Amino acid sequence: MLEQGRTDSCRSCRGEPWQLMWSRRFAGLGGARRFENLLKKQKDGNGFYRLTGLTRDT
């Protein structure tokens, strides 16, 4: 996905180059998708930062 974002082929990704800020390994695709959905449910953003360990100024 990062490579696709660096090209003009991805309309929603154009602009500034992407930089990977956080990653996590999962045993399987199902666990990764569950965690992705959990992150997307964090409406106010605080849960996102709590789950990833990132700070808002990162």
PDB file of N, CA and C in Angstrom:
ATOM      1  N   MET A   1       0.814  -1.193   0.000  1.00  0.00           N
ATOM      2  CA  MET A   1       0.000   0.000   0.000  1.00  0.00           C
ATOM      3  C   MET A   1       0.860   1.259   0.000  1.00  0.00           C
ATOM      4  N   LEU A   2       1.980   1.239   0.714  1.00  0.00           N
ATOM      5  CA  LEU A   2       2.834   2.416   0.737  1.00  0.00           C
ATOM      6  C   LEU A   2       3.386   2.726  -0.652  1.00  0.00           C
ATOM      7  N   GLU A   3       3.773   1.691  -1.376  1.00  0.00           N
ATOM      8  CA  GLU A   3       4.282   1.910  -2.733  1.00  0.00           C
ATOM      9  C   GLU A   3       3.201   2.481  -3.635  1.00  0.00           C
ATOM     10  N   GLN A   4       1.984   1.983  -3.524  1.00  0.00           N
ATOM     11  CA  GLN A   4       0.880   2.484  -4.339  1.00  0.00           C
ATOM     12  C   GLN A   4       0.607   3.943  -4.008  1.00  0.00           C
ATOM     13  N   GLY A   5       0.761   4.340  -2.780  1.00  0.00           N
ATOM     14  CA  GLY A   5       0.537   5.717  -2.372  1.00  0.00           C
ATOM     15  C   GLY A   5       1.580   6.675  -2.909  1.00  0.00           C
ATOM     16  N   ARG A   6       2.726   6.143  -3.290  1.00  0.00           N
ATOM     17  CA  ARG A   6       3.793   6.991  -3.823  1.00  0.00           C
ATOM     18  C   ARG A   6       3.635   7.257  -5.319  1.00  0.00           C
ATOM     19  N   THR A   7       2.681   6.608  -5.937  1.00  0.00           N
ATOM     20  CA  THR A   7       2.461   6.806  -7.361  1.00  0.00           C
ATOM     21  C   THR A   7       1.157   7.560  -7.570  1.00  0.00           C
ATOM     22  N   ASP A   8       0.913   7.944  -8.786  1.00  0.00           N
ATOM     23  CA  ASP A   8      -0.334   8.646  -9.093  1.00  0.00           C
ATOM     24  C   ASP A   8      -1.496   7.690  -9.315  1.00  0.00           C
ATOM     25  N   SER A   9      -1.279   6.385  -9.166  1.00  0.00           N
ATOM     26  CA  SER A   9      -2.349   5.427  -9.427  1.00  0.00           C
ATOM     27  C   SER A   9      -3.399   5.400  -8.316  1.00  0.00           C
ATOM     28  N   CYS A  10      -3.079   5.921  -7.169  1.00  0.00           N
ATOM     29  CA  CYS A  10      -4.012   5.933  -6.038  1.00  0.00           C
ATOM     30  C   CYS A  10      -4.474   7.366  -5.810  1.00  0.00           C
ATOM     31  N   ARG A  11      -5.690   7.675  -6.249  1.00  0.00           N
ATOM     32  CA  ARG A  11      -6.202   9.041  -6.192  1.00  0.00           C
ATOM     33  C   ARG A  11      -6.279   9.609  -4.785  1.00  0.00           C
ATOM     34  N   SER A  12      -6.701   8.784  -3.820  1.00  0.00           N
ATOM     35  CA  SER A  12      -6.877   9.283  -2.454  1.00  0.00           C
ATOM     36  C   SER A  12      -5.555   9.407  -1.698  1.00  0.00           C
ATOM     37  N   CYS A  13      -4.465   8.954  -2.283  1.00  0.00           N
ATOM     38  CA  CYS A  13      -3.180   8.928  -1.583  1.00  0.00           C
ATOM     39  C   CYS A  13      -2.189   9.956  -2.117  1.00  0.00           C
ATOM     40  N   ARG A  14      -2.566  10.748  -3.075  1.00  0.00           N
ATOM     41  CA  ARG A  14      -1.629  11.708  -3.670  1.00  0.00           C
ATOM     42  C   ARG A  14      -1.247  12.783  -2.665  1.00  0.00           C
ATOM     43  N   GLY A  15      -0.126  13.415  -2.916  1.00  0.00           N
ATOM     44  CA  GLY A  15       0.314  14.501  -2.050  1.00  0.00           C
ATOM     45  C   GLY A  15       1.630  14.158  -1.393  1.00  0.00           C
ATOM     46  N   GLU A  16       1.706  14.405  -0.122  1.00  0.00           N
ATOM     47  CA  GLU A  16       2.929  14.159   0.628  1.00  0.00           C
ATOM     48  C   GLU A  16       3.264  12.671   0.651  1.00  0.00           C
ATOM     49  N   PRO A  17       4.566  12.337   0.616  1.00  0.00           N
ATOM     50  CA  PRO A  17       4.948  10.922   0.717  1.00  0.00           C
ATOM     51  C   PRO A  17       4.529  10.346   2.066  1.00  0.00           C
ATOM     52  N   TRP A  18       4.169   9.092   2.067  1.00  0.00           N
ATOM     53  CA  TRP A  18       3.755   8.425   3.299  1.00  0.00           C
ATOM     54  C   TRP A  18       4.979   7.987   4.080  1.00  0.00           C
ATOM     55  N   GLN A  19       4.824   7.937   5.392  1.00  0.00           N
ATOM     56  CA  GLN A  19       5.867   7.431   6.268  1.00  0.00           C
ATOM     57  C   GLN A  19       5.218   6.461   7.247  1.00  0.00           C
ATOM     58  N   LEU A  20       5.754   5.260   7.348  1.00  0.00           N
ATOM     59  CA  LEU A  20       5.217   4.263   8.270  1.00  0.00           C
ATOM     60  C   LEU A  20       5.529   4.691   9.697  1.00  0.00           C
ATOM     61  N   MET A  21       4.487   4.856  10.512  1.00  0.00           N
ATOM     62  CA  MET A  21       4.650   5.325  11.884  1.00  0.00           C
ATOM     63  C   MET A  21       4.477   4.208  12.916  1.00  0.00           C
ATOM     64  N   TRP A  22       3.788   3.143  12.536  1.00  0.00           N
ATOM     65  CA  TRP A  22       3.473   2.086  13.496  1.00  0.00           C
ATOM     66  C   TRP A  22       3.143   0.817  12.728  1.00  0.00           C
ATOM     67  N   SER A  23       3.543  -0.311  13.254  1.00  0.00           N
ATOM     68  CA  SER A  23       3.155  -1.592  12.655  1.00  0.00           C
ATOM     69  C   SER A  23       3.043  -2.644  13.751  1.00  0.00           C
ATOM     70  N   ARG A  24       2.343  -3.694  13.431  1.00  0.00           N
ATOM     71  CA  ARG A  24       2.149  -4.798  14.373  1.00  0.00           C
ATOM     72  C   ARG A  24       1.958  -6.072  13.567  1.00  0.00           C
ATOM     73  N   ARG A  25       2.523  -7.163  14.025  1.00  0.00           N
ATOM     74  CA  ARG A  25       2.364  -8.455  13.350  1.00  0.00           C
ATOM     75  C   ARG A  25       1.202  -9.218  13.965  1.00  0.00           C
ATOM     76  N   PHE A  26       0.485  -9.933  13.112  1.00  0.00           N
ATOM     77  CA  PHE A  26      -0.640 -10.750  13.557  1.00  0.00           C
ATOM     78  C   PHE A  26      -0.428 -12.173  13.071  1.00  0.00           C
ATOM     79  N   ALA A  27      -0.955 -13.123  13.818  1.00  0.00           N
ATOM     80  CA  ALA A  27      -0.817 -14.530  13.455  1.00  0.00           C
ATOM     81  C   ALA A  27      -1.579 -14.861  12.179  1.00  0.00           C
ATOM     82  N   GLY A  28      -2.662 -14.151  11.940  1.00  0.00           N
ATOM     83  CA  GLY A  28      -3.464 -14.427  10.752  1.00  0.00           C
ATOM     84  C   GLY A  28      -4.215 -13.194  10.280  1.00  0.00           C
ATOM     85  N   LEU A  29      -4.798 -13.321   9.123  1.00  0.00           N
ATOM     86  CA  LEU A  29      -5.546 -12.227   8.521  1.00  0.00           C
ATOM     87  C   LEU A  29      -6.761 -11.852   9.361  1.00  0.00           C
ATOM     88  N   GLY A  30      -7.425 -12.842   9.964  1.00  0.00           N
ATOM     89  CA  GLY A  30      -8.614 -12.574  10.778  1.00  0.00           C
ATOM     90  C   GLY A  30      -8.304 -11.670  11.957  1.00  0.00           C
ATOM     91  N   GLY A  31      -7.213 -11.928  12.648  1.00  0.00           N
ATOM     92  CA  GLY A  31      -6.818 -11.089  13.772  1.00  0.00           C
ATOM     93  C   GLY A  31      -6.461  -9.675  13.331  1.00  0.00           C
ATOM     94  N   ALA A  32      -5.815  -9.561  12.190  1.00  0.00           N
ATOM     95  CA  ALA A  32      -5.469  -8.242  11.658  1.00  0.00           C
ATOM     96  C   ALA A  32      -6.720  -7.451  11.308  1.00  0.00           C
ATOM     97  N   ARG A  33      -7.681  -8.105  10.702  1.00  0.00           N
ATOM     98  CA  ARG A  33      -8.925  -7.417  10.328  1.00  0.00           C
ATOM     99  C   ARG A  33      -9.736  -7.015  11.556  1.00  0.00           C
ATOM    100  N   ARG A  34      -9.750  -7.862  12.584  1.00  0.00           N
ATOM    101  CA  ARG A  34     -10.454  -7.509  13.825  1.00  0.00           C
ATOM    102  C   ARG A  34      -9.815  -6.279  14.469  1.00  0.00           C
ATOM    103  N   PHE A  35      -8.483  -6.242  14.481  1.00  0.00           N
ATOM    104  CA  PHE A  35      -7.796  -5.093  15.068  1.00  0.00           C
ATOM    105  C   PHE A  35      -8.033  -3.837  14.230  1.00  0.00           C
ATOM    106  N   GLU A  36      -8.035  -3.964  12.917  1.00  0.00           N
ATOM    107  CA  GLU A  36      -8.331  -2.827  12.043  1.00  0.00           C
ATOM    108  C   GLU A  36      -9.716  -2.260  12.351  1.00  0.00           C
ATOM    109  N   ASN A  37     -10.707  -3.131  12.488  1.00  0.00           N
ATOM    110  CA  ASN A  37     -12.066  -2.684  12.809  1.00  0.00           C
ATOM    111  C   ASN A  37     -12.118  -2.026  14.187  1.00  0.00           C
ATOM    112  N   LEU A  38     -11.375  -2.564  15.142  1.00  0.00           N
ATOM    113  CA  LEU A  38     -11.317  -1.971  16.475  1.00  0.00           C
ATOM    114  C   LEU A  38     -10.733  -0.558  16.398  1.00  0.00           C
ATOM    115  N   LEU A  39      -9.677  -0.376  15.613  1.00  0.00           N
ATOM    116  CA  LEU A  39      -9.095   0.952  15.453  1.00  0.00           C
ATOM    117  C   LEU A  39     -10.086   1.921  14.818  1.00  0.00           C
ATOM    118  N   LYS A  40     -10.830   1.449  13.829  1.00  0.00           N
ATOM    119  CA  LYS A  40     -11.779   2.307  13.125  1.00  0.00           C
ATOM    120  C   LYS A  40     -12.960   2.707  14.005  1.00  0.00           C
ATOM    121  N   LYS A  41     -13.241   1.936  15.060  1.00  0.00           N
ATOM    122  CA  LYS A  41     -14.349   2.249  15.966  1.00  0.00           C
ATOM    123  C   LYS A  41     -13.982   3.342  16.970  1.00  0.00           C
ATOM    124  N   GLN A  42     -12.726   3.729  17.052  1.00  0.00           N
ATOM    125  CA  GLN A  42     -12.285   4.731  18.024  1.00  0.00           C
ATOM    126  C   GLN A  42     -12.627   6.117  17.502  1.00  0.00           C
ATOM    127  N   LYS A  43     -13.845   6.562  17.722  1.00  0.00           N
ATOM    128  CA  LYS A  43     -14.364   7.790  17.120  1.00  0.00           C
ATOM    129  C   LYS A  43     -13.660   9.055  17.585  1.00  0.00           C
ATOM    130  N   ASP A  44     -13.302   9.145  18.863  1.00  0.00           N
ATOM    131  CA  ASP A  44     -12.699  10.381  19.349  1.00  0.00           C
ATOM    132  C   ASP A  44     -11.193  10.421  19.157  1.00  0.00           C
ATOM    133  N   GLY A  45     -10.587   9.316  18.767  1.00  0.00           N
ATOM    134  CA  GLY A  45      -9.148   9.281  18.531  1.00  0.00           C
ATOM    135  C   GLY A  45      -8.341   8.844  19.730  1.00  0.00           C
ATOM    136  N   ASN A  46      -8.848   9.050  20.941  1.00  0.00           N
ATOM    137  CA  ASN A  46      -8.081   8.676  22.123  1.00  0.00           C
ATOM    138  C   ASN A  46      -7.814   7.176  22.171  1.00  0.00           C
ATOM    139  N   GLY A  47      -8.806   6.381  21.809  1.00  0.00           N
ATOM    140  CA  GLY A  47      -8.635   4.934  21.793  1.00  0.00           C
ATOM    141  C   GLY A  47      -7.596   4.495  20.783  1.00  0.00           C
ATOM    142  N   PHE A  48      -7.556   5.169  19.636  1.00  0.00           N
ATOM    143  CA  PHE A  48      -6.547   4.864  18.614  1.00  0.00           C
ATOM    144  C   PHE A  48      -5.144   5.047  19.190  1.00  0.00           C
ATOM    145  N   TYR A  49      -4.926   6.169  19.844  1.00  0.00           N
ATOM    146  CA  TYR A  49      -3.601   6.439  20.406  1.00  0.00           C
ATOM    147  C   TYR A  49      -3.285   5.487  21.558  1.00  0.00           C
ATOM    148  N   ARG A  50      -4.288   5.133  22.341  1.00  0.00           N
ATOM    149  CA  ARG A  50      -4.076   4.187  23.438  1.00  0.00           C
ATOM    150  C   ARG A  50      -3.709   2.810  22.894  1.00  0.00           C
ATOM    151  N   LEU A  51      -4.403   2.362  21.844  1.00  0.00           N
ATOM    152  CA  LEU A  51      -4.160   1.032  21.282  1.00  0.00           C
ATOM    153  C   LEU A  51      -2.827   0.931  20.554  1.00  0.00           C
ATOM    154  N   THR A  52      -2.388   2.012  19.923  1.00  0.00           N
ATOM    155  CA  THR A  52      -1.148   1.976  19.148  1.00  0.00           C
ATOM    156  C   THR A  52       0.063   2.437  19.941  1.00  0.00           C
ATOM    157  N   GLY A  53      -0.170   3.188  21.019  1.00  0.00           N
ATOM    158  CA  GLY A  53       0.958   3.722  21.785  1.00  0.00           C
ATOM    159  C   GLY A  53       1.552   4.975  21.169  1.00  0.00           C
ATOM    160  N   LEU A  54       0.939   5.485  20.113  1.00  0.00           N
ATOM    161  CA  LEU A  54       1.399   6.725  19.489  1.00  0.00           C
ATOM    162  C   LEU A  54       0.891   7.914  20.276  1.00  0.00           C
ATOM    163  N   THR A  55       1.497   9.066  20.035  1.00  0.00           N
ATOM    164  CA  THR A  55       1.018  10.309  20.638  1.00  0.00           C
ATOM    165  C   THR A  55       0.485  11.205  19.513  1.00  0.00           C
ATOM    166  N   ARG A  56      -0.331  12.153  19.878  1.00  0.00           N
ATOM    167  CA  ARG A  56      -0.936  13.037  18.873  1.00  0.00           C
ATOM    168  C   ARG A  56       0.090  13.864  18.120  1.00  0.00           C
ATOM    169  N   ASP A  57       1.202  14.169  18.722  1.00  0.00           N
ATOM    170  CA  ASP A  57       2.220  14.992  18.074  1.00  0.00           C
ATOM    171  C   ASP A  57       3.218  14.175  17.251  1.00  0.00           C
ATOM    172  N   THR A  58       2.982  12.861  17.110  1.00  0.00           N
ATOM    173  CA  THR A  58       3.884  11.995  16.346  1.00  0.00           C
ATOM    174  C   THR A  58       3.764  12.277  14.878  1.00  0.00           C
TER     175      THR A  58
END
